[in-house]
C-alpha atoms as a PDB file:
ATOM      1  CA  MET A   1     -64.644  32.107   6.202  1.00  0.00           C
ATOM      2  CA  TRP A   2     -61.769  34.004   4.602  1.00  0.00           C
ATOM      3  CA  SER A   3     -59.796  33.298   7.648  1.00  0.00           C
ATOM      4  CA  LEU A   4     -60.677  29.415   7.124  1.00  0.00           C
ATOM      5  CA  LEU A   5     -59.060  29.780   3.300  1.00  0.00           C
ATOM      6  CA  TRP A   6     -56.086  31.454   4.462  1.00  0.00           C
ATOM      7  CA  GLY A   7     -55.532  28.884   7.173  1.00  0.00           C
ATOM      8  CA  ALA A   8     -55.948  25.964   4.617  1.00  0.00           C
ATOM      9  CA  PHE A   9     -53.668  27.943   2.299  1.00  0.00           C
ATOM     10  CA  GLY A  10     -50.781  28.033   5.062  1.00  0.00           C
ATOM     11  CA  VAL A  11     -51.474  24.122   5.595  1.00  0.00           C
ATOM     12  CA  VAL A  12     -50.875  23.640   2.043  1.00  0.00           C
ATOM     13  CA  ALA A  13     -47.869  25.670   1.749  1.00  0.00           C
ATOM     14  CA  GLY A  14     -46.714  23.932   5.033  1.00  0.00           C
ATOM     15  CA  SER A  15     -47.062  20.608   3.137  1.00  0.00           C
ATOM     16  CA  PHE A  16     -45.053  22.009   0.247  1.00  0.00           C
ATOM     17  CA  LEU A  17     -42.118  22.742   2.923  1.00  0.00           C
ATOM     18  CA  ALA A  18     -42.479  18.870   3.788  1.00  0.00           C
ATOM     19  CA  ILE A  19     -42.355  17.697   0.601  1.00  0.00           C
ATOM     20  CA  GLN A  20     -39.299  20.072  -0.552  1.00  0.00           C
ATOM     21  CA  ALA A  21     -37.307  18.642   2.277  1.00  0.00           C
ATOM     22  CA  PRO A  22     -36.562  15.023   1.222  1.00  0.00           C
ATOM     23  CA  ILE A  23     -36.266  16.392  -2.341  1.00  0.00           C
ATOM     24  CA  ASN A  24     -33.489  18.984  -1.320  1.00  0.00           C
ATOM     25  CA  ALA A  25     -31.800  16.494   0.547  1.00  0.00           C
ATOM     26  CA  ALA A  26     -31.693  14.079  -2.097  1.00  0.00           C
ATOM     27  CA  LEU A  27     -30.625  16.924  -4.560  1.00  0.00           C
ATOM     28  CA  SER A  28     -27.703  17.483  -1.615  1.00  0.00           C
ATOM     29  CA  LYS A  29     -26.519  13.966  -2.033  1.00  0.00           C
ATOM     30  CA  GLY A  30     -26.568  14.070  -5.527  1.00  0.00           C
ATOM     31  CA  LEU A  31     -24.488  17.551  -5.646  1.00  0.00           C
ATOM     32  CA  GLY A  32     -22.463  16.461  -2.543  1.00  0.00           C
ATOM     33  CA  MET A  33     -22.963  19.629  -0.540  1.00  0.00           C
ATOM     34  CA  PRO A  34     -26.139  20.923   1.211  1.00  0.00           C
ATOM     35  CA  VAL A  35     -25.290  24.566   0.207  1.00  0.00           C
ATOM     36  CA  ALA A  36     -25.387  23.838  -3.442  1.00  0.00           C
ATOM     37  CA  ALA A  37     -28.496  22.141  -3.103  1.00  0.00           C
ATOM     38  CA  ALA A  38     -29.905  25.110  -1.189  1.00  0.00           C
ATOM     39  CA  ALA A  39     -28.375  27.484  -3.901  1.00  0.00           C
ATOM     40  CA  SER A  40     -29.902  25.351  -6.763  1.00  0.00           C
ATOM     41  CA  SER A  41     -33.158  25.908  -5.237  1.00  0.00           C
ATOM     42  CA  PHE A  42     -33.026  29.224  -4.584  1.00  0.00           C
ATOM     43  CA  LEU A  43     -32.064  29.854  -8.249  1.00  0.00           C
ATOM     44  CA  ALA A  44     -35.043  27.368  -9.561  1.00  0.00           C
ATOM     45  CA  GLY A  45     -37.739  29.419  -7.403  1.00  0.00           C
ATOM     46  CA  ALA A  46     -36.250  32.705  -8.568  1.00  0.00           C
ATOM     47  CA  VAL A  47     -36.645  31.904 -12.142  1.00  0.00           C
ATOM     48  CA  ALA A  48     -40.332  30.617 -11.438  1.00  0.00           C
ATOM     49  CA  LEU A  49     -41.121  33.631  -9.400  1.00  0.00           C
ATOM     50  CA  ALA A  50     -39.778  35.980 -12.070  1.00  0.00           C
ATOM     51  CA  PHE A  51     -41.829  34.291 -14.752  1.00  0.00           C
ATOM     52  CA  VAL A  52     -44.955  34.187 -12.424  1.00  0.00           C
ATOM     53  CA  SER A  53     -44.147  37.831 -11.892  1.00  0.00           C
ATOM     54  CA  ALA A  54     -44.124  38.769 -15.538  1.00  0.00           C
ATOM     55  CA  VAL A  55     -47.226  36.898 -16.492  1.00  0.00           C
ATOM     56  CA  PHE A  56     -49.342  38.335 -13.469  1.00  0.00           C
ATOM     57  CA  SER A  57     -48.159  41.861 -14.037  1.00  0.00           C
ATOM     58  CA  GLN A  58     -48.812  41.314 -17.936  1.00  0.00           C
ATOM     59  CA  ALA A  59     -52.377  40.127 -17.198  1.00  0.00           C
ATOM     60  CA  GLN A  60     -53.349  42.798 -14.475  1.00  0.00           C
ATOM     61  CA  GLY A  61     -51.757  45.594 -17.055  1.00  0.00           C
ATOM     62  CA  ILE A  62     -49.534  46.776 -14.436  1.00  0.00           C
ATOM     63  CA  SER A  63     -45.727  47.132 -14.471  1.00  0.00           C
ATOM     64  CA  ILE A  64     -43.682  45.915 -11.333  1.00  0.00           C
ATOM     65  CA  GLY A  65     -42.749  49.170  -9.714  1.00  0.00           C
ATOM     66  CA  TRP A  66     -39.547  49.240  -7.641  1.00  0.00           C
ATOM     67  CA  ARG A  67     -39.473  51.396  -4.459  1.00  0.00           C
ATOM     68  CA  VAL A  68     -36.326  50.420  -3.070  1.00  0.00           C
ATOM     69  CA  PRO A  69     -36.604  49.364   0.557  1.00  0.00           C
ATOM     70  CA  PRO A  70     -33.644  49.473   2.917  1.00  0.00           C
ATOM     71  CA  LEU A  71     -30.918  47.223   1.682  1.00  0.00           C
ATOM     72  CA  TRP A  72     -30.537  45.287   4.828  1.00  0.00           C
ATOM     73  CA  MET A  73     -34.224  43.807   4.011  1.00  0.00           C
ATOM     74  CA  PHE A  74     -32.807  42.128   0.634  1.00  0.00           C
ATOM     75  CA  PHE A  75     -29.626  40.801   2.474  1.00  0.00           C
ATOM     76  CA  VAL A  76     -31.050  39.420   6.002  1.00  0.00           C
ATOM     77  CA  GLY A  77     -34.326  38.289   4.228  1.00  0.00           C
ATOM     78  CA  GLY A  78     -32.231  36.376   1.663  1.00  0.00           C
ATOM     79  CA  CYS A  79     -29.831  34.887   4.150  1.00  0.00           C
ATOM     80  CA  LEU A  80     -32.094  33.596   6.461  1.00  0.00           C
ATOM     81  CA  GLY A  81     -34.475  32.095   3.580  1.00  0.00           C
ATOM     82  CA  ALA A  82     -31.027  30.646   2.743  1.00  0.00           C
ATOM     83  CA  ALA A  83     -30.245  29.738   6.357  1.00  0.00           C
ATOM     84  CA  PHE A  84     -33.501  27.962   6.738  1.00  0.00           C
ATOM     85  CA  VAL A  85     -33.440  25.785   3.407  1.00  0.00           C
ATOM     86  CA  THR A  86     -29.908  24.582   3.946  1.00  0.00           C
ATOM     87  CA  ALA A  87     -30.954  23.732   7.658  1.00  0.00           C
ATOM     88  CA  VAL A  88     -33.701  21.492   6.453  1.00  0.00           C
ATOM     89  CA  ILE A  89     -31.461  20.036   3.891  1.00  0.00           C
ATOM     90  CA  ILE A  90     -29.026  18.895   6.658  1.00  0.00           C
ATOM     91  CA  LEU A  91     -31.708  18.262   9.256  1.00  0.00           C
ATOM     92  CA  THR A  92     -34.249  16.093   7.179  1.00  0.00           C
ATOM     93  CA  PRO A  93     -31.682  12.783   6.406  1.00  0.00           C
ATOM     94  CA  ARG A  94     -30.945  12.930  10.040  1.00  0.00           C
ATOM     95  CA  LEU A  95     -34.061  13.570  11.947  1.00  0.00           C
ATOM     96  CA  GLY A  96     -36.693  12.743   9.212  1.00  0.00           C
ATOM     97  CA  ALA A  97     -39.048  14.553   7.526  1.00  0.00           C
ATOM     98  CA  ALA A  98     -41.794  14.718   9.986  1.00  0.00           C
ATOM     99  CA  ALA A  99     -39.587  15.379  12.913  1.00  0.00           C
ATOM    100  CA  THR A 100     -37.760  18.238  11.241  1.00  0.00           C
ATOM    101  CA  MET A 101     -41.004  19.646   9.935  1.00  0.00           C
ATOM    102  CA  GLY A 102     -42.208  19.687  13.551  1.00  0.00           C
ATOM    103  CA  PHE A 103     -39.121  21.388  14.957  1.00  0.00           C
ATOM    104  CA  VAL A 104     -39.330  23.972  12.298  1.00  0.00           C
ATOM    105  CA  VAL A 105     -42.909  24.741  12.935  1.00  0.00           C
ATOM    106  CA  ALA A 106     -42.195  24.875  16.651  1.00  0.00           C
ATOM    107  CA  GLY A 107     -39.517  27.382  15.914  1.00  0.00           C
ATOM    108  CA  GLN A 108     -41.405  29.469  13.767  1.00  0.00           C
ATOM    109  CA  LEU A 109     -44.180  29.430  16.080  1.00  0.00           C
ATOM    110  CA  LEU A 110     -42.118  30.457  19.036  1.00  0.00           C
ATOM    111  CA  ALA A 111     -40.485  33.249  16.901  1.00  0.00           C
ATOM    112  CA  GLY A 112     -43.681  34.218  15.560  1.00  0.00           C
ATOM    113  CA  ILE A 113     -45.197  35.069  19.457  1.00  0.00           C
ATOM    114  CA  VAL A 114     -42.324  37.050  19.757  1.00  0.00           C
ATOM    115  CA  VAL A 115     -42.512  39.051  16.355  1.00  0.00           C
ATOM    116  CA  ASP A 116     -46.149  39.450  17.081  1.00  0.00           C
ATOM    117  CA  ARG A 117     -45.487  40.508  20.983  1.00  0.00           C
ATOM    118  CA  LEU A 118     -43.016  43.158  19.408  1.00  0.00           C
ATOM    119  CA  GLY A 119     -44.960  44.158  16.393  1.00  0.00           C
ATOM    120  CA  PHE A 120     -41.903  43.996  14.511  1.00  0.00           C
ATOM    121  CA  LEU A 121     -41.739  46.038  11.256  1.00  0.00           C
ATOM    122  CA  GLY A 122     -44.945  47.497  11.925  1.00  0.00           C
ATOM    123  CA  LEU A 123     -47.131  44.160  12.479  1.00  0.00           C
ATOM    124  CA  ALA A 124     -50.137  44.505  14.976  1.00  0.00           C
ATOM    125  CA  VAL A 125     -48.764  44.046  18.534  1.00  0.00           C
ATOM    126  CA  ARG A 126     -50.170  40.574  19.915  1.00  0.00           C
ATOM    127  CA  GLU A 127     -50.115  39.875  23.572  1.00  0.00           C
ATOM    128  CA  ILE A 128     -48.377  36.845  24.736  1.00  0.00           C
ATOM    129  CA  SER A 129     -50.976  34.704  26.403  1.00  0.00           C
ATOM    130  CA  VAL A 130     -50.890  31.367  28.418  1.00  0.00           C
ATOM    131  CA  GLY A 131     -52.969  29.921  25.642  1.00  0.00           C
ATOM    132  CA  ARG A 132     -50.474  30.942  23.004  1.00  0.00           C
ATOM    133  CA  MET A 133     -47.273  29.644  25.040  1.00  0.00           C
ATOM    134  CA  ALA A 134     -49.152  26.478  25.778  1.00  0.00           C
ATOM    135  CA  GLY A 135     -49.993  25.781  21.986  1.00  0.00           C
ATOM    136  CA  ALA A 136     -46.318  26.446  21.072  1.00  0.00           C
ATOM    137  CA  MET A 137     -45.066  24.283  24.033  1.00  0.00           C
ATOM    138  CA  LEU A 138     -47.258  21.481  23.084  1.00  0.00           C
ATOM    139  CA  LEU A 139     -46.386  21.757  19.147  1.00  0.00           C
ATOM    140  CA  LEU A 140     -42.394  21.357  20.674  1.00  0.00           C
ATOM    141  CA  ALA A 141     -43.593  18.502  22.771  1.00  0.00           C
ATOM    142  CA  GLY A 142     -45.155  16.817  19.611  1.00  0.00           C
ATOM    143  CA  ALA A 143     -41.973  17.273  17.451  1.00  0.00           C
ATOM    144  CA  VAL A 144     -40.011  15.511  20.506  1.00  0.00           C
ATOM    145  CA  LEU A 145     -42.560  12.812  20.809  1.00  0.00           C
ATOM    146  CA  ILE A 146     -42.354  12.171  16.619  1.00  0.00           C
ATOM    147  CA  ARG A 147     -38.494  12.284  16.867  1.00  0.00           C
ATOM    148  CA  ILE A 148     -38.394   9.483  19.833  1.00  0.00           C
ATOM    149  CA  TYR A 149     -40.836   7.785  18.450  1.00  0.00           C
END
């Protein structure tokens, strides 16, 4: 039951990206620069997350503790997120929201298969199977079909 709910949560989160893409593309048009739109989006998200973090920590009666992870995680994680949002801002007006999301999800799935296989950063190792690769290739083919038609 929980895995079904977590899957539904993933679908909802994915829908947020599809909705966010044209909003950020329009913001980019208004600001005149994709990177400025990405920065604005990240700033607004950071403020919202700081507020939510404060509310949750207060409600749970805990303080936010900082165990400083390796600094490269902050830099690489932030840069990957910024590159992703900027790429989606650039791609959405050119490919459309559906094709952009199709290609993005295909890329996420292909990278996820590799990350699982490597057990990257302590994740459980999951083998690359014919079924997993077939699913990824079908998703990529679907994105191409969405773009063409």
